[in-house]
Amino acid sequence: MSTVAQQIRSIGPGPKFPLVCCWGGPDAPLPVRPIHTPLRRHSHRVDPRLRFNSGFAGEAFEFCKCIAELSKDVCQRVDALRHLDLSRILFGVTQARNGHAHGLQARVTPLRFHGGRLTRQRRGVTYQVQRYFVDRHEILYLVTFCLPRFLDLDFDEKLITLFHELYHISPAFDGDLRRHDGRYAIHSHSQRRYDEHMAHLARTYLDSGAEPRLHAFLRLNFAQLQGRHGAIVGVMVPRPKIVPVPAVKATM
């Protein structure tokens, strides 16, 4: 995830972005788009021995709906994530540009600055993160999955990746990320220990009596889901921009 400074430097001259983006209702639905198979990928039929339920065969698979339902169950069962308000988290997808296994799997984008502030100043200019509203609920976090790449991980890696992104969200749930002491504020001083902790949380969730139907789709890869449903669709919204605003309009 790029730093605030990098995002600010990338603004430069050009078209202005709206400070507020709203979706919801028949006049402004969230944009839902199909995910395409990148070049050099080989699709294959679903193995008839697989009995994992991913919804009705022949109907487009709604990835964001399923990952949101799974996340809701995760937050209800795992103490470390009970502070998350799923009505203020938007789940989205981004299209992988190639068929490579390595690269972005998922990311969480906060819609506030450090400490939950809506604005910050840099070199005398006030900046604001774009505000997103869905059905009148203000969104504080955008969690985006890169498809097909994410779905081609094995089951354990997918679940751990989900925990990895959700755990980044601040315990204060103020639009900022969880910050650790020291230089490596986001992943702590040890990436390995952070990943081990996420694996522990994922195992704890599965051992808590989690409903298999909610995570069954993670047992299938992209080609298998596509073969069963015909299409995989997801919410595609732009990553929120950091926009310069007149100092007189700065708010907290």
Protein backbone atom coordinates (compact mmCIF):
# COMPACT_ATOMS: atom_id res chain seq x y z
CA MET A 1 0.00 0.00 0.00
CA SER A 2 1.38 3.40 -0.99
CA THR A 3 2.14 5.93 1.70
CA VAL A 4 0.17 9.13 2.16
CA ALA A 5 3.16 11.15 0.95
CA GLN A 6 3.37 9.08 -2.24
CA GLN A 7 -0.32 9.55 -2.91
CA ILE A 8 -0.09 13.30 -2.33
CA ARG A 9 2.88 13.61 -4.70
CA SER A 10 0.95 11.73 -7.38
CA ILE A 11 -1.90 14.27 -7.51
CA GLY A 12 -0.24 16.98 -9.58
CA PRO A 13 -2.16 19.02 -12.12
CA GLY A 14 -5.15 17.47 -13.82
CA PRO A 15 -8.88 16.92 -13.35
CA LYS A 16 -10.29 17.57 -9.92
CA PHE A 17 -11.88 14.69 -8.04
CA PRO A 18 -15.12 15.02 -6.04
CA LEU A 19 -14.71 15.19 -2.27
CA VAL A 20 -17.73 12.89 -1.81
CA CYS A 21 -18.81 9.84 -3.84
CA CYS A 22 -22.22 8.26 -3.20
CA TRP A 23 -23.76 4.98 -4.34
CA GLY A 24 -27.02 3.29 -3.51
CA GLY A 25 -30.55 3.00 -4.83
CA PRO A 26 -31.71 2.43 -8.40
CA ASP A 27 -30.25 5.70 -9.67
CA ALA A 28 -26.67 5.12 -8.46
CA PRO A 29 -25.99 1.41 -7.86
CA LEU A 30 -22.53 0.20 -7.02
CA PRO A 31 -20.71 -0.69 -10.26
CA VAL A 32 -20.56 -4.47 -10.62
CA ARG A 33 -18.29 -5.83 -13.34
CA PRO A 34 -17.30 -9.29 -14.57
CA ILE A 35 -13.76 -10.54 -13.99
CA HIS A 36 -11.98 -11.65 -17.13
CA THR A 37 -9.43 -14.42 -17.49
CA PRO A 38 -5.97 -12.94 -18.22
CA LEU A 39 -3.93 -14.16 -21.15
CA ARG A 40 -1.80 -17.27 -20.70
CA ARG A 41 -4.27 -18.77 -18.23
CA HIS A 42 -5.82 -22.15 -18.92
CA SER A 43 -9.38 -22.66 -17.79
CA HIS A 44 -10.59 -26.12 -16.82
CA ARG A 45 -13.84 -27.73 -15.84
CA VAL A 46 -14.83 -28.16 -12.26
CA ASP A 47 -13.94 -31.58 -10.85
CA PRO A 48 -17.23 -33.50 -10.41
CA ARG A 49 -15.87 -34.93 -7.16
CA LEU A 50 -15.90 -31.47 -5.58
CA ARG A 51 -18.97 -31.03 -3.41
CA PHE A 52 -18.34 -27.51 -2.16
CA ASN A 53 -21.44 -25.35 -2.42
CA SER A 54 -20.78 -21.94 -3.98
CA GLY A 55 -24.38 -21.06 -4.80
CA PHE A 56 -26.65 -21.93 -7.68
CA ALA A 57 -24.84 -23.33 -10.71
CA GLY A 58 -25.34 -21.26 -13.83
CA GLU A 59 -25.86 -17.99 -11.93
CA ALA A 60 -23.07 -15.40 -11.87
CA PHE A 61 -20.96 -15.76 -8.76
CA GLU A 62 -21.08 -12.55 -6.69
CA PHE A 63 -17.65 -12.54 -5.09
CA CYS A 64 -18.06 -9.40 -2.97
CA LYS A 65 -21.36 -10.56 -1.50
CA CYS A 66 -19.84 -13.90 -0.49
CA ILE A 67 -16.64 -12.41 0.97
CA ALA A 68 -18.73 -9.89 2.95
CA GLU A 69 -20.92 -12.65 4.41
CA LEU A 70 -17.85 -14.66 5.35
CA SER A 71 -16.23 -11.58 6.93
CA LYS A 72 -19.35 -10.92 9.00
CA ASP A 73 -19.18 -14.43 10.43
CA VAL A 74 -15.44 -14.05 11.07
CA CYS A 75 -15.99 -10.83 13.01
CA GLN A 76 -18.70 -12.43 15.13
CA ARG A 77 -16.50 -15.39 16.06
CA VAL A 78 -13.01 -13.91 16.43
CA ASP A 79 -12.51 -11.60 19.41
CA ALA A 80 -9.67 -9.68 17.76
CA LEU A 81 -12.04 -8.55 15.00
CA ARG A 82 -15.29 -7.95 16.88
CA HIS A 83 -14.78 -4.18 16.68
CA LEU A 84 -15.30 -4.15 12.92
CA ASP A 85 -18.56 -2.66 11.62
CA LEU A 86 -19.18 -4.39 8.29
CA SER A 87 -21.74 -1.75 7.26
CA ARG A 88 -18.83 0.71 6.97
CA ILE A 89 -16.48 -1.60 5.07
CA LEU A 90 -16.83 -1.85 1.30
CA PHE A 91 -15.55 -5.02 -0.36
CA GLY A 92 -14.40 -4.68 -3.95
CA VAL A 93 -12.35 -6.36 -6.64
CA THR A 94 -9.71 -5.32 -9.12
CA GLN A 95 -8.84 -7.11 -12.33
CA ALA A 96 -5.42 -8.77 -12.45
CA ARG A 97 -3.47 -7.53 -15.46
CA ASN A 98 -1.78 -10.86 -16.10
CA GLY A 99 -1.94 -14.51 -15.18
CA HIS A 100 1.10 -14.44 -12.90
CA ALA A 101 0.71 -16.06 -9.49
CA HIS A 102 2.86 -13.41 -7.79
CA GLY A 103 1.70 -9.86 -7.22
CA LEU A 104 -1.11 -8.10 -5.40
CA GLN A 105 -3.55 -10.49 -3.72
CA ALA A 106 -5.58 -8.03 -1.64
CA ARG A 107 -5.29 -4.68 0.09
CA VAL A 108 -7.16 -2.52 2.57
CA THR A 109 -7.41 1.21 1.87
CA PRO A 110 -8.26 3.48 4.83
CA LEU A 111 -10.44 6.52 4.18
CA ARG A 112 -8.94 8.56 6.99
CA PHE A 113 -5.48 9.79 7.90
CA HIS A 114 -3.46 8.91 10.98
CA GLY A 115 -5.63 8.97 14.09
CA GLY A 116 -8.86 9.01 12.10
CA ARG A 117 -8.45 12.57 10.84
CA LEU A 118 -10.32 13.49 7.68
CA THR A 119 -7.78 16.10 6.63
CA ARG A 120 -4.08 16.76 6.97
CA GLN A 121 -1.69 19.48 5.90
CA ARG A 122 1.46 19.11 3.87
CA ARG A 123 3.62 22.04 2.80
CA GLY A 124 0.85 24.49 3.56
CA VAL A 125 -1.83 22.65 1.57
CA THR A 126 -4.81 20.92 3.19
CA TYR A 127 -5.68 17.47 1.83
CA GLN A 128 -8.76 15.33 2.35
CA VAL A 129 -9.40 11.69 1.59
CA GLN A 130 -12.42 11.26 -0.66
CA ARG A 131 -15.49 10.29 1.34
CA TYR A 132 -17.49 7.26 0.16
CA PHE A 133 -21.15 6.64 1.03
CA VAL A 134 -23.14 3.49 0.22
CA ASP A 135 -26.86 3.53 1.03
CA ARG A 136 -26.19 6.55 3.28
CA HIS A 137 -23.59 4.65 5.32
CA GLU A 138 -20.21 6.34 5.25
CA ILE A 139 -17.48 3.88 4.31
CA LEU A 140 -14.29 3.95 6.39
CA TYR A 141 -12.40 1.13 4.66
CA LEU A 142 -12.20 -0.32 1.16
CA VAL A 143 -11.00 -3.93 1.06
CA THR A 144 -10.05 -4.96 -2.47
CA PHE A 145 -9.20 -8.42 -3.81
CA CYS A 146 -7.23 -8.95 -6.99
CA LEU A 147 -8.95 -11.55 -9.15
CA PRO A 148 -8.35 -14.12 -10.52
CA ARG A 149 -5.06 -14.17 -8.58
CA PHE A 150 -6.56 -14.28 -5.08
CA LEU A 151 -8.92 -17.12 -5.97
CA ASP A 152 -6.04 -19.21 -7.28
CA LEU A 153 -4.37 -19.39 -3.87
CA ASP A 154 -4.96 -22.53 -1.86
CA PHE A 155 -7.71 -22.52 0.75
CA ASP A 156 -5.50 -21.74 3.75
CA GLU A 157 -3.74 -18.88 1.94
CA LYS A 158 -7.07 -17.31 0.95
CA LEU A 159 -8.43 -17.40 4.48
CA ILE A 160 -5.19 -16.08 5.97
CA THR A 161 -5.14 -13.27 3.39
CA LEU A 162 -8.65 -12.25 4.44
CA PHE A 163 -7.59 -12.16 8.09
CA HIS A 164 -4.44 -10.27 7.10
CA GLU A 165 -6.48 -7.44 5.55
CA LEU A 166 -9.17 -7.29 8.24
CA TYR A 167 -6.57 -7.22 11.02
CA HIS A 168 -4.98 -4.13 9.44
CA ILE A 169 -8.08 -2.15 10.45
CA SER A 170 -7.56 0.00 13.54
CA PRO A 171 -8.99 -1.28 16.86
CA ALA A 172 -10.56 2.18 17.16
CA PHE A 173 -12.33 1.62 13.82
CA ASP A 174 -11.79 5.29 13.00
CA GLY A 175 -10.82 4.97 9.34
CA ASP A 176 -7.11 4.59 10.08
CA LEU A 177 -4.99 1.43 10.05
CA ARG A 178 -3.81 -0.59 13.03
CA ARG A 179 -0.41 0.80 13.99
CA HIS A 180 2.33 -1.03 15.88
CA ASP A 181 5.16 0.47 17.87
CA GLY A 182 8.46 1.11 16.17
CA ARG A 183 9.58 1.69 12.62
CA TYR A 184 7.39 -0.98 11.01
CA ALA A 185 4.06 0.43 12.12
CA ILE A 186 1.81 -1.53 9.77
CA HIS A 187 3.19 -5.10 9.84
CA SER A 188 5.11 -4.84 13.13
CA HIS A 189 8.86 -5.53 13.22
CA SER A 190 8.44 -9.12 12.02
CA GLN A 191 6.44 -9.98 8.90
CA ARG A 192 6.87 -13.69 9.71
CA ARG A 193 5.36 -13.35 13.18
CA TYR A 194 2.54 -11.23 11.79
CA ASP A 195 1.73 -13.93 9.23
CA GLU A 196 1.90 -16.63 11.90
CA HIS A 197 -0.56 -14.68 14.02
CA MET A 198 -2.96 -14.43 11.08
CA ALA A 199 -2.69 -18.19 10.52
CA HIS A 200 -3.50 -18.73 14.21
CA LEU A 201 -6.58 -16.51 13.98
CA ALA A 202 -7.74 -18.36 10.86
CA ARG A 203 -7.38 -21.73 12.59
CA THR A 204 -9.22 -20.38 15.64
CA TYR A 205 -12.07 -19.31 13.39
CA LEU A 206 -12.36 -22.70 11.69
CA ASP A 207 -12.27 -24.46 15.07
CA SER A 208 -15.04 -22.23 16.45
CA GLY A 209 -17.79 -24.02 14.54
CA ALA A 210 -17.71 -21.76 11.50
CA GLU A 211 -20.37 -22.67 8.94
CA PRO A 212 -18.74 -24.49 6.00
CA ARG A 213 -21.24 -22.99 3.55
CA LEU A 214 -19.81 -19.52 4.17
CA HIS A 215 -16.24 -20.40 3.25
CA ALA A 216 -16.97 -23.21 0.78
CA PHE A 217 -16.29 -20.96 -2.22
CA LEU A 218 -12.70 -20.54 -1.05
CA ARG A 219 -12.21 -24.26 -1.71
CA LEU A 220 -12.59 -23.59 -5.45
CA ASN A 221 -10.20 -21.74 -7.71
CA PHE A 222 -11.16 -19.12 -10.28
CA ALA A 223 -11.54 -21.53 -13.19
CA GLN A 224 -13.67 -23.92 -11.14
CA LEU A 225 -15.99 -21.15 -9.99
CA GLN A 226 -16.19 -19.74 -13.49
CA GLY A 227 -16.93 -23.18 -14.91
CA ARG A 228 -19.73 -23.71 -12.39
CA HIS A 229 -21.30 -20.25 -12.58
CA GLY A 230 -20.40 -19.00 -16.03
CA ALA A 231 -19.22 -15.63 -14.71
CA ILE A 232 -17.60 -14.13 -11.63
CA VAL A 233 -18.60 -10.55 -10.86
CA GLY A 234 -17.58 -8.03 -8.22
CA VAL A 235 -17.88 -4.42 -7.14
CA MET A 236 -15.33 -2.21 -8.89
CA VAL A 237 -14.89 1.27 -7.47
CA PRO A 238 -11.83 3.50 -7.84
CA ARG A 239 -9.38 3.67 -5.00
CA PRO A 240 -10.17 6.81 -2.96
CA LYS A 241 -7.99 9.77 -3.86
CA ILE A 242 -6.31 12.28 -1.59
CA VAL A 243 -7.65 15.61 -2.81
CA PRO A 244 -6.36 19.14 -2.09
CA VAL A 245 -9.05 21.39 -0.60
CA PRO A 246 -9.11 25.07 0.43
CA ALA A 247 -7.96 25.47 4.03
CA VAL A 248 -11.25 27.14 4.96
CA LYS A 249 -13.11 23.89 4.17
CA ALA A 250 -10.94 21.68 6.35
CA THR A 251 -12.99 19.57 8.76
CA MET A 252 -12.23 16.98 11.40
